[in-house]
Amino acid sequence: WMEAKAQAAAESGVAETMCEMCARFYDLQWMTGTGGALSVRSNGVVYVTASGVQKERQGPRHVFRYVEECGTELPRPDQDLEGDGGLPRLKVSSCLPIFRSIYRARRAGAVIHTHSIHAMMVTKAYASEFVTSHMEMVKGVPGHGYSSTLRVPIIANQPHEHLLEPDVARVLEEDPECHAVLVRNHGVFVWGKSLEQAKTMCECLDYLFQAALLQRTTKSHL
């Protein structure tokens, strides 16, 4: 009984942290209009945010839970009250297949998908990949230093997010060193060994995307 109670408390803590982060990303305009998604892999459980829910209003009941090994869905708080119970019936983010693909290929601990305007706009400025070097914030991406060349592959967008999975899986196989994938006219997927690391990389990458866009704008006015 004590072990079950401790496990339930740990799961609640993960969900609460995810919801807090979604609200923060909403404030940054990375997850507006219900867009974007977040996932965590912890202790054999995969957590994924719900689809169609305002990110600044996400609560633990909006976080889906799956057994990592078999994919079985676990109960959520107040799930029995959905539908006929009076609460809106929820569905999981359509990014779930992408998250699972990243977990299989990278054994990551978390994946963040944002609709940051900088991530979207930078895909209009670069053809097949975003490239930058000699920028301090490059050091925020594991395995990179100030003088390293950072590359982030760009894939084509699709009518529905789950259809992005084959291209994401291809990039994961072709580029074992990448930590993120840009989606043209859409946004970015970033993963790390923990939610904290993925968040840090999101912040560093968004800075680098914005810096590259500003540099191009500045040059065009010189």
N, C-alpha and C. Protein backbone atom coordinates (compact mmCIF):
# COMPACT_ATOMS: atom_id res chain seq x y z
N TRP A 1 0.84 -1.21 0.00
CA TRP A 1 0.00 0.00 0.00
C TRP A 1 0.86 1.25 0.00
N MET A 2 1.91 1.27 0.81
CA MET A 2 2.78 2.43 0.88
C MET A 2 3.51 2.65 -0.44
N GLU A 3 3.94 1.55 -1.09
CA GLU A 3 4.62 1.66 -2.38
C GLU A 3 3.68 2.24 -3.43
N ALA A 4 2.43 1.77 -3.42
CA ALA A 4 1.45 2.27 -4.39
C ALA A 4 1.17 3.76 -4.17
N LYS A 5 1.10 4.15 -2.89
CA LYS A 5 0.87 5.56 -2.57
C LYS A 5 2.04 6.42 -3.01
N ALA A 6 3.25 5.93 -2.80
CA ALA A 6 4.45 6.67 -3.21
C ALA A 6 4.51 6.79 -4.72
N GLN A 7 4.14 5.72 -5.44
CA GLN A 7 4.13 5.75 -6.90
C GLN A 7 3.11 6.76 -7.41
N ALA A 8 1.93 6.76 -6.80
CA ALA A 8 0.89 7.71 -7.20
C ALA A 8 1.34 9.15 -6.98
N ALA A 9 2.03 9.39 -5.87
CA ALA A 9 2.54 10.74 -5.57
C ALA A 9 3.59 11.16 -6.59
N ALA A 10 4.45 10.21 -6.96
CA ALA A 10 5.50 10.52 -7.95
C ALA A 10 4.88 10.85 -9.30
N GLU A 11 3.86 10.06 -9.70
CA GLU A 11 3.20 10.30 -10.98
C GLU A 11 2.50 11.65 -10.97
N SER A 12 1.87 12.00 -9.86
CA SER A 12 1.20 13.29 -9.74
C SER A 12 2.21 14.42 -9.86
N GLY A 13 3.41 14.22 -9.28
CA GLY A 13 4.45 15.24 -9.35
C GLY A 13 4.92 15.48 -10.77
N VAL A 14 5.07 14.41 -11.54
CA VAL A 14 5.47 14.54 -12.94
C VAL A 14 4.43 15.32 -13.72
N ALA A 15 3.17 14.95 -13.54
CA ALA A 15 2.09 15.61 -14.27
C ALA A 15 2.00 17.09 -13.90
N GLU A 16 2.14 17.39 -12.62
CA GLU A 16 2.06 18.79 -12.18
C GLU A 16 3.20 19.62 -12.77
N THR A 17 4.40 19.04 -12.80
CA THR A 17 5.53 19.75 -13.39
C THR A 17 5.30 20.00 -14.87
N MET A 18 4.76 19.02 -15.57
CA MET A 18 4.47 19.19 -17.00
C MET A 18 3.47 20.32 -17.21
N CYS A 19 2.44 20.38 -16.37
CA CYS A 19 1.42 21.41 -16.50
C CYS A 19 1.99 22.80 -16.22
N GLU A 20 2.86 22.89 -15.22
CA GLU A 20 3.51 24.16 -14.91
C GLU A 20 4.35 24.63 -16.09
N MET A 21 5.03 23.68 -16.73
CA MET A 21 5.88 24.04 -17.86
C MET A 21 5.05 24.47 -19.07
N CYS A 22 3.91 23.80 -19.29
CA CYS A 22 3.03 24.20 -20.39
C CYS A 22 2.54 25.63 -20.19
N ALA A 23 2.20 25.99 -18.95
CA ALA A 23 1.75 27.35 -18.67
C ALA A 23 2.87 28.35 -18.94
N ARG A 24 4.10 27.97 -18.59
CA ARG A 24 5.24 28.84 -18.84
C ARG A 24 5.47 29.01 -20.35
N PHE A 25 5.34 27.93 -21.09
CA PHE A 25 5.52 28.00 -22.54
C PHE A 25 4.40 28.81 -23.20
N TYR A 26 3.21 28.75 -22.61
CA TYR A 26 2.12 29.59 -23.11
C TYR A 26 2.49 31.06 -22.95
N ASP A 27 3.04 31.41 -21.79
CA ASP A 27 3.45 32.79 -21.54
C ASP A 27 4.51 33.25 -22.54
N LEU A 28 5.35 32.31 -22.96
CA LEU A 28 6.40 32.63 -23.94
C LEU A 28 5.87 32.64 -25.37
N GLN A 29 4.57 32.33 -25.53
CA GLN A 29 3.92 32.22 -26.84
C GLN A 29 4.49 31.07 -27.66
N TRP A 30 4.91 30.03 -26.98
CA TRP A 30 5.38 28.82 -27.65
C TRP A 30 4.28 27.78 -27.79
N MET A 31 3.24 27.88 -26.93
CA MET A 31 2.15 26.90 -26.93
C MET A 31 0.81 27.62 -26.83
N THR A 32 0.52 28.47 -27.79
CA THR A 32 -0.75 29.19 -27.81
C THR A 32 -1.77 28.46 -28.67
N GLY A 33 -3.04 28.83 -28.51
CA GLY A 33 -4.09 28.23 -29.33
C GLY A 33 -4.20 26.73 -29.17
N THR A 34 -3.90 26.21 -28.02
CA THR A 34 -3.86 24.77 -27.68
C THR A 34 -2.72 24.04 -28.40
N GLY A 35 -1.89 24.75 -29.17
CA GLY A 35 -0.82 24.11 -29.93
C GLY A 35 0.34 23.68 -29.06
N GLY A 36 1.16 22.80 -29.62
CA GLY A 36 2.32 22.29 -28.91
C GLY A 36 1.96 21.09 -28.05
N ALA A 37 2.97 20.41 -27.55
CA ALA A 37 2.75 19.22 -26.72
C ALA A 37 4.02 18.94 -25.93
N LEU A 38 3.86 18.13 -24.89
CA LEU A 38 4.98 17.82 -24.00
C LEU A 38 4.84 16.38 -23.53
N SER A 39 5.99 15.70 -23.41
CA SER A 39 5.97 14.31 -22.95
C SER A 39 7.17 14.05 -22.05
N VAL A 40 6.97 13.17 -21.08
CA VAL A 40 8.04 12.75 -20.16
C VAL A 40 8.03 11.23 -20.06
N ARG A 41 9.21 10.63 -20.01
CA ARG A 41 9.34 9.18 -19.81
C ARG A 41 10.02 8.97 -18.47
N SER A 42 9.33 8.33 -17.53
CA SER A 42 9.86 8.18 -16.18
C SER A 42 9.36 6.89 -15.53
N ASN A 43 10.29 6.10 -15.02
CA ASN A 43 9.95 4.88 -14.27
C ASN A 43 8.99 3.97 -15.02
N GLY A 44 9.26 3.79 -16.31
CA GLY A 44 8.46 2.86 -17.10
C GLY A 44 7.12 3.40 -17.56
N VAL A 45 6.87 4.69 -17.32
CA VAL A 45 5.61 5.32 -17.72
C VAL A 45 5.91 6.48 -18.67
N VAL A 46 5.11 6.58 -19.74
CA VAL A 46 5.21 7.70 -20.68
C VAL A 46 4.03 8.63 -20.44
N TYR A 47 4.33 9.89 -20.15
CA TYR A 47 3.32 10.91 -19.88
C TYR A 47 3.20 11.81 -21.11
N VAL A 48 1.98 12.13 -21.52
CA VAL A 48 1.76 12.96 -22.71
C VAL A 48 0.59 13.90 -22.45
N THR A 49 0.75 15.16 -22.84
CA THR A 49 -0.33 16.13 -22.67
C THR A 49 -1.49 15.83 -23.61
N ALA A 50 -2.65 16.36 -23.24
CA ALA A 50 -3.87 16.14 -24.02
C ALA A 50 -3.93 17.08 -25.21
N SER A 51 -4.74 16.72 -26.18
CA SER A 51 -4.96 17.53 -27.37
C SER A 51 -6.14 18.48 -27.14
N GLY A 52 -6.06 19.67 -27.75
CA GLY A 52 -7.19 20.58 -27.73
C GLY A 52 -7.49 21.23 -26.40
N VAL A 53 -6.53 21.23 -25.49
CA VAL A 53 -6.72 21.86 -24.17
C VAL A 53 -5.83 23.10 -24.09
N GLN A 54 -6.37 24.22 -23.61
CA GLN A 54 -5.58 25.43 -23.44
C GLN A 54 -4.39 25.12 -22.54
N LYS A 55 -3.19 25.37 -23.05
CA LYS A 55 -2.00 24.96 -22.33
C LYS A 55 -1.84 25.65 -20.97
N GLU A 56 -2.32 26.88 -20.85
CA GLU A 56 -2.19 27.58 -19.58
C GLU A 56 -3.18 27.05 -18.54
N ARG A 57 -4.11 26.19 -18.98
CA ARG A 57 -5.12 25.66 -18.07
C ARG A 57 -4.99 24.14 -17.89
N GLN A 58 -3.90 23.58 -18.34
CA GLN A 58 -3.68 22.14 -18.20
C GLN A 58 -3.57 21.79 -16.72
N GLY A 59 -4.20 20.68 -16.35
CA GLY A 59 -4.07 20.13 -15.01
C GLY A 59 -3.68 18.67 -15.10
N PRO A 60 -3.36 18.03 -13.97
CA PRO A 60 -2.94 16.63 -13.99
C PRO A 60 -3.91 15.69 -14.71
N ARG A 61 -5.21 16.01 -14.70
CA ARG A 61 -6.15 15.12 -15.39
C ARG A 61 -6.03 15.21 -16.91
N HIS A 62 -5.32 16.24 -17.39
CA HIS A 62 -5.11 16.40 -18.83
C HIS A 62 -3.82 15.71 -19.30
N VAL A 63 -3.17 15.00 -18.42
CA VAL A 63 -1.93 14.30 -18.78
C VAL A 63 -2.20 12.80 -18.89
N PHE A 64 -2.04 12.26 -20.08
CA PHE A 64 -2.24 10.84 -20.31
C PHE A 64 -1.01 10.07 -19.84
N ARG A 65 -1.22 8.84 -19.43
CA ARG A 65 -0.15 7.98 -18.93
C ARG A 65 -0.22 6.63 -19.62
N TYR A 66 0.92 6.13 -20.07
CA TYR A 66 1.00 4.84 -20.75
C TYR A 66 2.14 4.01 -20.18
N VAL A 67 1.91 2.70 -20.07
CA VAL A 67 3.00 1.80 -19.71
C VAL A 67 3.95 1.76 -20.90
N GLU A 68 5.20 2.11 -20.68
CA GLU A 68 6.16 2.23 -21.78
C GLU A 68 6.33 0.92 -22.53
N GLU A 69 6.42 -0.19 -21.83
CA GLU A 69 6.74 -1.48 -22.45
C GLU A 69 5.64 -1.99 -23.37
N CYS A 70 4.38 -1.82 -22.97
CA CYS A 70 3.28 -2.41 -23.76
C CYS A 70 2.33 -1.37 -24.35
N GLY A 71 2.42 -0.12 -23.91
CA GLY A 71 1.56 0.94 -24.44
C GLY A 71 0.19 1.02 -23.81
N THR A 72 -0.07 0.23 -22.78
CA THR A 72 -1.37 0.25 -22.12
C THR A 72 -1.60 1.60 -21.44
N GLU A 73 -2.80 2.18 -21.65
CA GLU A 73 -3.11 3.44 -21.01
C GLU A 73 -3.48 3.22 -19.55
N LEU A 74 -2.95 4.08 -18.68
CA LEU A 74 -3.24 4.03 -17.25
C LEU A 74 -4.33 5.06 -16.91
N PRO A 75 -5.06 4.85 -15.83
CA PRO A 75 -6.13 5.78 -15.45
C PRO A 75 -5.59 7.17 -15.14
N ARG A 76 -6.42 8.18 -15.42
CA ARG A 76 -6.10 9.57 -15.10
C ARG A 76 -7.06 10.06 -14.02
N PRO A 77 -6.69 11.11 -13.28
CA PRO A 77 -7.61 11.70 -12.30
C PRO A 77 -8.91 12.15 -12.96
N ASP A 78 -10.05 11.78 -12.39
CA ASP A 78 -11.38 12.19 -12.85
C ASP A 78 -11.74 11.67 -14.23
N GLN A 79 -11.01 10.68 -14.73
CA GLN A 79 -11.30 10.14 -16.05
C GLN A 79 -12.72 9.58 -16.12
N ASP A 80 -13.19 9.01 -15.01
CA ASP A 80 -14.52 8.41 -14.98
C ASP A 80 -15.63 9.46 -15.06
N LEU A 81 -15.28 10.74 -14.92
CA LEU A 81 -16.28 11.81 -15.00
C LEU A 81 -16.39 12.41 -16.40
N GLU A 82 -15.57 11.93 -17.32
CA GLU A 82 -15.59 12.46 -18.68
C GLU A 82 -16.77 11.87 -19.45
N GLY A 83 -17.20 12.59 -20.47
CA GLY A 83 -18.31 12.11 -21.29
C GLY A 83 -19.61 12.27 -20.57
N ASP A 84 -20.28 11.16 -20.26
CA ASP A 84 -21.57 11.19 -19.56
C ASP A 84 -21.43 11.77 -18.16
N GLY A 85 -20.22 11.78 -17.62
CA GLY A 85 -20.01 12.31 -16.28
C GLY A 85 -20.02 13.83 -16.22
N GLY A 86 -20.01 14.49 -17.38
CA GLY A 86 -20.11 15.94 -17.39
C GLY A 86 -18.87 16.67 -17.82
N LEU A 87 -17.69 16.06 -17.69
CA LEU A 87 -16.45 16.69 -18.14
C LEU A 87 -16.21 16.37 -19.61
N PRO A 88 -15.55 17.28 -20.34
CA PRO A 88 -15.25 16.98 -21.76
C PRO A 88 -14.39 15.73 -21.89
N ARG A 89 -14.70 14.91 -22.89
CA ARG A 89 -13.89 13.71 -23.12
C ARG A 89 -12.58 14.12 -23.79
N LEU A 90 -11.48 13.69 -23.23
CA LEU A 90 -10.17 14.10 -23.71
C LEU A 90 -9.57 13.08 -24.68
N LYS A 91 -8.68 13.57 -25.53
CA LYS A 91 -7.88 12.68 -26.36
C LYS A 91 -6.43 13.10 -26.27
N VAL A 92 -5.54 12.14 -26.42
CA VAL A 92 -4.13 12.40 -26.27
C VAL A 92 -3.59 13.18 -27.47
N SER A 93 -2.50 13.89 -27.26
CA SER A 93 -1.86 14.63 -28.35
C SER A 93 -1.55 13.70 -29.53
N SER A 94 -1.76 14.22 -30.73
CA SER A 94 -1.45 13.44 -31.93
C SER A 94 0.05 13.29 -32.14
N CYS A 95 0.85 13.93 -31.28
CA CYS A 95 2.30 13.78 -31.34
C CYS A 95 2.78 12.48 -30.69
N LEU A 96 1.89 11.73 -30.06
CA LEU A 96 2.29 10.52 -29.34
C LEU A 96 3.18 9.59 -30.16
N PRO A 97 2.84 9.27 -31.43
CA PRO A 97 3.73 8.39 -32.21
C PRO A 97 5.14 8.96 -32.38
N ILE A 98 5.24 10.28 -32.49
CA ILE A 98 6.54 10.94 -32.63
C ILE A 98 7.33 10.81 -31.33
N PHE A 99 6.66 11.06 -30.22
CA PHE A 99 7.33 10.93 -28.93
C PHE A 99 7.86 9.51 -28.73
N ARG A 100 7.04 8.52 -29.06
CA ARG A 100 7.46 7.13 -28.88
C ARG A 100 8.65 6.80 -29.77
N SER A 101 8.65 7.33 -30.99
CA SER A 101 9.76 7.10 -31.90
C SER A 101 11.06 7.68 -31.35
N ILE A 102 10.97 8.88 -30.78
CA ILE A 102 12.15 9.52 -30.20
C ILE A 102 12.63 8.75 -28.97
N TYR A 103 11.72 8.29 -28.15
CA TYR A 103 12.11 7.50 -26.97
C TYR A 103 12.82 6.22 -27.38
N ARG A 104 12.32 5.56 -28.42
CA ARG A 104 12.95 4.31 -28.87
C ARG A 104 14.35 4.57 -29.41
N ALA A 105 14.51 5.62 -30.18
CA ALA A 105 15.78 5.89 -30.85
C ALA A 105 16.82 6.53 -29.94
N ARG A 106 16.37 7.37 -29.00
CA ARG A 106 17.30 8.16 -28.21
C ARG A 106 17.29 7.83 -26.72
N ARG A 107 16.33 7.05 -26.28
CA ARG A 107 16.17 6.76 -24.84
C ARG A 107 16.10 8.07 -24.06
N ALA A 108 15.45 9.07 -24.64
CA ALA A 108 15.32 10.38 -24.00
C ALA A 108 14.40 10.30 -22.79
N GLY A 109 14.48 11.31 -21.94
CA GLY A 109 13.62 11.37 -20.78
C GLY A 109 12.45 12.32 -20.96
N ALA A 110 12.53 13.17 -22.00
CA ALA A 110 11.46 14.12 -22.25
C ALA A 110 11.55 14.66 -23.67
N VAL A 111 10.40 15.03 -24.22
CA VAL A 111 10.33 15.66 -25.54
C VAL A 111 9.38 16.84 -25.45
N ILE A 112 9.80 17.97 -26.01
CA ILE A 112 8.97 19.18 -26.03
C ILE A 112 8.71 19.57 -27.48
N HIS A 113 7.45 19.83 -27.79
CA HIS A 113 7.08 20.31 -29.12
C HIS A 113 6.45 21.68 -28.99
N THR A 114 7.07 22.69 -29.58
CA THR A 114 6.52 24.05 -29.50
C THR A 114 6.19 24.59 -30.88
N HIS A 115 5.32 25.61 -30.87
CA HIS A 115 4.97 26.34 -32.08
C HIS A 115 5.58 27.74 -32.01
N SER A 116 6.76 27.83 -31.46
CA SER A 116 7.45 29.12 -31.36
C SER A 116 7.51 29.81 -32.72
N ILE A 117 7.21 31.10 -32.74
CA ILE A 117 7.26 31.86 -33.99
C ILE A 117 8.67 31.88 -34.57
N HIS A 118 9.68 31.87 -33.69
CA HIS A 118 11.07 31.87 -34.18
C HIS A 118 11.41 30.53 -34.84
N ALA A 119 10.95 29.43 -34.26
CA ALA A 119 11.20 28.12 -34.85
C ALA A 119 10.49 28.00 -36.19
N MET A 120 9.27 28.51 -36.26
CA MET A 120 8.53 28.44 -37.52
C MET A 120 9.17 29.31 -38.59
N MET A 121 9.52 30.55 -38.24
CA MET A 121 10.06 31.48 -39.23
C MET A 121 11.44 31.06 -39.74
N VAL A 122 12.24 30.43 -38.87
CA VAL A 122 13.58 30.05 -39.31
C VAL A 122 13.51 28.97 -40.39
N THR A 123 12.42 28.21 -40.43
CA THR A 123 12.29 27.19 -41.49
C THR A 123 12.01 27.84 -42.85
N LYS A 124 11.60 29.10 -42.85
CA LYS A 124 11.40 29.81 -44.11
C LYS A 124 12.71 30.40 -44.63
N ALA A 125 13.68 30.51 -43.73
CA ALA A 125 14.96 31.13 -44.09
C ALA A 125 16.05 30.11 -44.46
N TYR A 126 15.83 28.84 -44.09
CA TYR A 126 16.82 27.79 -44.37
C TYR A 126 16.16 26.67 -45.17
N ALA A 127 16.96 26.01 -45.99
CA ALA A 127 16.41 24.99 -46.89
C ALA A 127 16.18 23.64 -46.19
N SER A 128 17.26 22.91 -45.94
CA SER A 128 17.12 21.56 -45.40
C SER A 128 17.55 21.43 -43.94
N GLU A 129 18.28 22.44 -43.44
CA GLU A 129 18.71 22.41 -42.05
C GLU A 129 19.09 23.81 -41.58
N PHE A 130 18.87 24.04 -40.30
CA PHE A 130 19.34 25.28 -39.66
C PHE A 130 20.78 25.05 -39.22
N VAL A 131 21.66 26.01 -39.54
CA VAL A 131 23.08 25.88 -39.21
C VAL A 131 23.56 27.17 -38.55
N THR A 132 24.29 27.02 -37.45
CA THR A 132 24.89 28.19 -36.81
C THR A 132 26.16 27.77 -36.08
N SER A 133 27.02 28.74 -35.82
CA SER A 133 28.28 28.48 -35.13
C SER A 133 28.78 29.76 -34.48
N HIS A 134 29.75 29.61 -33.56
CA HIS A 134 30.35 30.74 -32.87
C HIS A 134 29.28 31.63 -32.22
N MET A 135 28.39 30.96 -31.51
CA MET A 135 27.35 31.63 -30.72
C MET A 135 27.38 31.02 -29.32
N GLU A 136 27.36 31.84 -28.30
CA GLU A 136 27.49 31.36 -26.93
C GLU A 136 26.42 30.34 -26.56
N MET A 137 25.20 30.57 -27.03
CA MET A 137 24.10 29.70 -26.63
C MET A 137 24.15 28.31 -27.28
N VAL A 138 25.04 28.13 -28.25
CA VAL A 138 25.25 26.80 -28.82
C VAL A 138 25.71 25.83 -27.72
N LYS A 139 26.39 26.37 -26.70
CA LYS A 139 26.89 25.53 -25.61
C LYS A 139 25.76 24.89 -24.80
N GLY A 140 24.54 25.37 -24.97
CA GLY A 140 23.40 24.79 -24.28
C GLY A 140 22.92 23.49 -24.87
N VAL A 141 23.48 23.09 -26.01
CA VAL A 141 23.12 21.83 -26.67
C VAL A 141 24.23 20.82 -26.38
N PRO A 142 23.92 19.69 -25.77
CA PRO A 142 24.95 18.71 -25.40
C PRO A 142 25.88 18.36 -26.56
N GLY A 143 27.17 18.28 -26.24
CA GLY A 143 28.16 17.92 -27.24
C GLY A 143 28.64 19.07 -28.10
N HIS A 144 28.20 20.30 -27.78
CA HIS A 144 28.58 21.46 -28.57
C HIS A 144 29.27 22.51 -27.70
N GLY A 145 30.24 23.18 -28.31
CA GLY A 145 30.93 24.29 -27.68
C GLY A 145 30.72 25.55 -28.49
N TYR A 146 31.32 26.63 -28.04
CA TYR A 146 31.15 27.92 -28.71
C TYR A 146 31.47 27.86 -30.20
N SER A 147 32.56 27.18 -30.56
CA SER A 147 32.98 27.15 -31.96
C SER A 147 32.41 25.97 -32.73
N SER A 148 31.58 25.16 -32.09
CA SER A 148 30.98 24.01 -32.78
C SER A 148 29.95 24.49 -33.81
N THR A 149 29.74 23.65 -34.82
CA THR A 149 28.69 23.91 -35.79
C THR A 149 27.44 23.13 -35.39
N LEU A 150 26.39 23.85 -35.08
CA LEU A 150 25.13 23.24 -34.69
C LEU A 150 24.23 23.11 -35.92
N ARG A 151 23.70 21.92 -36.13
CA ARG A 151 22.80 21.67 -37.25
C ARG A 151 21.48 21.10 -36.72
N VAL A 152 20.38 21.66 -37.19
CA VAL A 152 19.05 21.16 -36.84
C VAL A 152 18.31 20.84 -38.13
N PRO A 153 18.05 19.56 -38.41
CA PRO A 153 17.37 19.19 -39.66
C PRO A 153 15.97 19.80 -39.74
N ILE A 154 15.54 20.06 -40.97
CA ILE A 154 14.20 20.59 -41.24
C ILE A 154 13.44 19.58 -42.09
N ILE A 155 12.26 19.19 -41.64
CA ILE A 155 11.42 18.27 -42.40
C ILE A 155 10.16 19.00 -42.86
N ALA A 156 9.49 18.43 -43.86
CA ALA A 156 8.27 19.04 -44.38
C ALA A 156 7.10 18.83 -43.41
N ASN A 157 6.20 19.78 -43.39
CA ASN A 157 5.00 19.65 -42.57
C ASN A 157 4.02 18.68 -43.22
N GLN A 158 3.05 18.21 -42.43
CA GLN A 158 2.02 17.30 -42.91
C GLN A 158 0.66 17.80 -42.41
N PRO A 159 -0.43 17.33 -43.03
CA PRO A 159 -1.77 17.80 -42.60
C PRO A 159 -2.08 17.47 -41.14
N HIS A 160 -1.52 16.37 -40.63
CA HIS A 160 -1.75 15.97 -39.25
C HIS A 160 -0.40 15.58 -38.62
N GLU A 161 -0.24 15.90 -37.35
CA GLU A 161 1.06 15.75 -36.71
C GLU A 161 1.55 14.31 -36.66
N HIS A 162 0.65 13.34 -36.49
CA HIS A 162 1.12 11.96 -36.41
C HIS A 162 1.78 11.50 -37.71
N LEU A 163 1.44 12.18 -38.82
CA LEU A 163 2.03 11.83 -40.11
C LEU A 163 3.49 12.28 -40.23
N LEU A 164 3.96 13.06 -39.27
CA LEU A 164 5.36 13.49 -39.26
C LEU A 164 6.30 12.38 -38.79
N GLU A 165 5.76 11.36 -38.15
CA GLU A 165 6.59 10.35 -37.51
C GLU A 165 7.59 9.68 -38.45
N PRO A 166 7.21 9.26 -39.68
CA PRO A 166 8.21 8.63 -40.55
C PRO A 166 9.42 9.51 -40.85
N ASP A 167 9.18 10.80 -41.08
CA ASP A 167 10.30 11.70 -41.37
C ASP A 167 11.15 11.95 -40.13
N VAL A 168 10.50 12.04 -38.97
CA VAL A 168 11.26 12.18 -37.73
C VAL A 168 12.12 10.94 -37.49
N ALA A 169 11.54 9.76 -37.71
CA ALA A 169 12.28 8.51 -37.53
C ALA A 169 13.47 8.43 -38.48
N ARG A 170 13.29 8.92 -39.70
CA ARG A 170 14.38 8.93 -40.69
C ARG A 170 15.52 9.82 -40.22
N VAL A 171 15.17 11.02 -39.72
CA VAL A 171 16.20 11.93 -39.22
C VAL A 171 16.94 11.33 -38.04
N LEU A 172 16.22 10.68 -37.14
CA LEU A 172 16.85 10.05 -35.98
C LEU A 172 17.86 9.00 -36.40
N GLU A 173 17.55 8.28 -37.48
CA GLU A 173 18.46 7.24 -37.95
C GLU A 173 19.65 7.83 -38.71
N GLU A 174 19.39 8.86 -39.51
CA GLU A 174 20.44 9.44 -40.34
C GLU A 174 21.39 10.35 -39.57
N ASP A 175 20.89 10.97 -38.51
CA ASP A 175 21.70 11.94 -37.76
C ASP A 175 21.65 11.60 -36.27
N PRO A 176 22.48 10.67 -35.83
CA PRO A 176 22.44 10.23 -34.43
C PRO A 176 22.86 11.30 -33.43
N GLU A 177 23.43 12.40 -33.90
CA GLU A 177 23.90 13.46 -33.00
C GLU A 177 22.87 14.58 -32.80
N CYS A 178 21.79 14.58 -33.56
CA CYS A 178 20.85 15.70 -33.47
C CYS A 178 20.00 15.59 -32.20
N HIS A 179 19.63 16.75 -31.67
CA HIS A 179 18.83 16.83 -30.45
C HIS A 179 17.49 17.51 -30.71
N ALA A 180 17.23 17.86 -31.98
CA ALA A 180 16.00 18.56 -32.31
C ALA A 180 15.69 18.40 -33.79
N VAL A 181 14.42 18.58 -34.14
CA VAL A 181 13.98 18.56 -35.54
C VAL A 181 13.02 19.71 -35.74
N LEU A 182 13.29 20.52 -36.74
CA LEU A 182 12.38 21.60 -37.13
C LEU A 182 11.37 21.08 -38.15
N VAL A 183 10.14 21.58 -38.07
CA VAL A 183 9.10 21.22 -39.03
C VAL A 183 8.70 22.49 -39.77
N ARG A 184 8.83 22.47 -41.09
CA ARG A 184 8.64 23.69 -41.87
C ARG A 184 7.23 24.27 -41.68
N ASN A 185 7.21 25.58 -41.47
CA ASN A 185 5.95 26.32 -41.28
C ASN A 185 5.13 25.80 -40.10
N HIS A 186 5.81 25.22 -39.11
CA HIS A 186 5.09 24.57 -38.02
C HIS A 186 5.74 24.84 -36.66
N GLY A 187 6.91 24.26 -36.41
CA GLY A 187 7.53 24.42 -35.10
C GLY A 187 8.74 23.53 -34.95
N VAL A 188 8.98 23.05 -33.72
CA VAL A 188 10.19 22.28 -33.46
C VAL A 188 9.91 21.22 -32.40
N PHE A 189 10.60 20.08 -32.51
CA PHE A 189 10.63 19.03 -31.50
C PHE A 189 12.03 19.02 -30.89
N VAL A 190 12.11 19.03 -29.57
CA VAL A 190 13.39 19.03 -28.86
C VAL A 190 13.33 17.95 -27.78
N TRP A 191 14.40 17.17 -27.64
CA TRP A 191 14.41 16.12 -26.62
C TRP A 191 15.70 16.17 -25.81
N GLY A 192 15.62 15.64 -24.58
CA GLY A 192 16.78 15.59 -23.70
C GLY A 192 16.66 14.44 -22.74
N LYS A 193 17.70 14.24 -21.95
CA LYS A 193 17.70 13.12 -21.02
C LYS A 193 16.73 13.36 -19.85
N SER A 194 16.33 14.62 -19.67
CA SER A 194 15.36 14.98 -18.63
C SER A 194 14.52 16.14 -19.14
N LEU A 195 13.42 16.42 -18.44
CA LEU A 195 12.59 17.55 -18.82
C LEU A 195 13.35 18.85 -18.66
N GLU A 196 14.18 18.93 -17.64
CA GLU A 196 14.98 20.14 -17.42
C GLU A 196 15.96 20.38 -18.57
N GLN A 197 16.62 19.30 -19.02
CA GLN A 197 17.56 19.45 -20.13
C GLN A 197 16.85 19.83 -21.42
N ALA A 198 15.71 19.20 -21.68
CA ALA A 198 14.95 19.52 -22.89
C ALA A 198 14.49 20.98 -22.86
N LYS A 199 14.05 21.44 -21.69
CA LYS A 199 13.63 22.85 -21.54
C LYS A 199 14.81 23.79 -21.81
N THR A 200 15.97 23.46 -21.25
CA THR A 200 17.16 24.30 -21.46
C THR A 200 17.50 24.38 -22.94
N MET A 201 17.45 23.24 -23.63
CA MET A 201 17.76 23.25 -25.06
C MET A 201 16.72 24.04 -25.85
N CYS A 202 15.45 23.93 -25.46
CA CYS A 202 14.40 24.72 -26.13
C CYS A 202 14.71 26.20 -26.04
N GLU A 203 15.10 26.64 -24.85
CA GLU A 203 15.41 28.05 -24.64
C GLU A 203 16.62 28.48 -25.46
N CYS A 204 17.66 27.66 -25.47
CA CYS A 204 18.87 28.00 -26.22
C CYS A 204 18.60 28.01 -27.72
N LEU A 205 17.88 27.01 -28.20
CA LEU A 205 17.59 26.95 -29.62
C LEU A 205 16.71 28.12 -30.06
N ASP A 206 15.71 28.46 -29.25
CA ASP A 206 14.85 29.57 -29.63
C ASP A 206 15.65 30.87 -29.71
N TYR A 207 16.58 31.05 -28.79
CA TYR A 207 17.48 32.21 -28.83
C TYR A 207 18.28 32.22 -30.14
N LEU A 208 18.81 31.05 -30.50
CA LEU A 208 19.63 30.96 -31.72
C LEU A 208 18.79 31.18 -32.98
N PHE A 209 17.56 30.65 -32.98
CA PHE A 209 16.66 30.89 -34.12
C PHE A 209 16.37 32.38 -34.26
N GLN A 210 16.06 33.02 -33.15
CA GLN A 210 15.75 34.45 -33.19
C GLN A 210 16.97 35.27 -33.60
N ALA A 211 18.13 34.90 -33.09
CA ALA A 211 19.35 35.62 -33.44
C ALA A 211 19.64 35.52 -34.94
N ALA A 212 19.44 34.33 -35.51
CA ALA A 212 19.68 34.14 -36.94
C ALA A 212 18.72 34.98 -37.77
N LEU A 213 17.47 35.04 -37.35
CA LEU A 213 16.48 35.84 -38.08
C LEU A 213 16.80 37.33 -37.98
N LEU A 214 17.20 37.78 -36.78
CA LEU A 214 17.55 39.18 -36.61
C LEU A 214 18.79 39.55 -37.42
N GLN A 215 19.75 38.63 -37.47
CA GLN A 215 20.96 38.89 -38.24
C GLN A 215 20.64 39.07 -39.72
N ARG A 216 19.75 38.25 -40.23
CA ARG A 216 19.37 38.36 -41.64
C ARG A 216 18.62 39.68 -41.88
N THR A 217 17.77 40.07 -40.95
CA THR A 217 17.04 41.32 -41.10
C THR A 217 17.98 42.51 -41.05
N THR A 218 18.95 42.45 -40.13
CA THR A 218 19.93 43.53 -40.02
C THR A 218 20.75 43.67 -41.29
N LYS A 219 21.20 42.55 -41.85
CA LYS A 219 22.00 42.58 -43.07
C LYS A 219 21.21 43.18 -44.24
N SER A 220 19.89 42.88 -44.28
CA SER A 220 19.09 43.37 -45.39
C SER A 220 18.86 44.87 -45.34
N HIS A 221 19.14 45.47 -44.16
CA HIS A 221 18.96 46.91 -44.01
C HIS A 221 20.28 47.68 -44.03
N LEU A 222 21.39 46.95 -44.21
CA LEU A 222 22.69 47.63 -44.26
C LEU A 222 22.94 48.21 -45.65
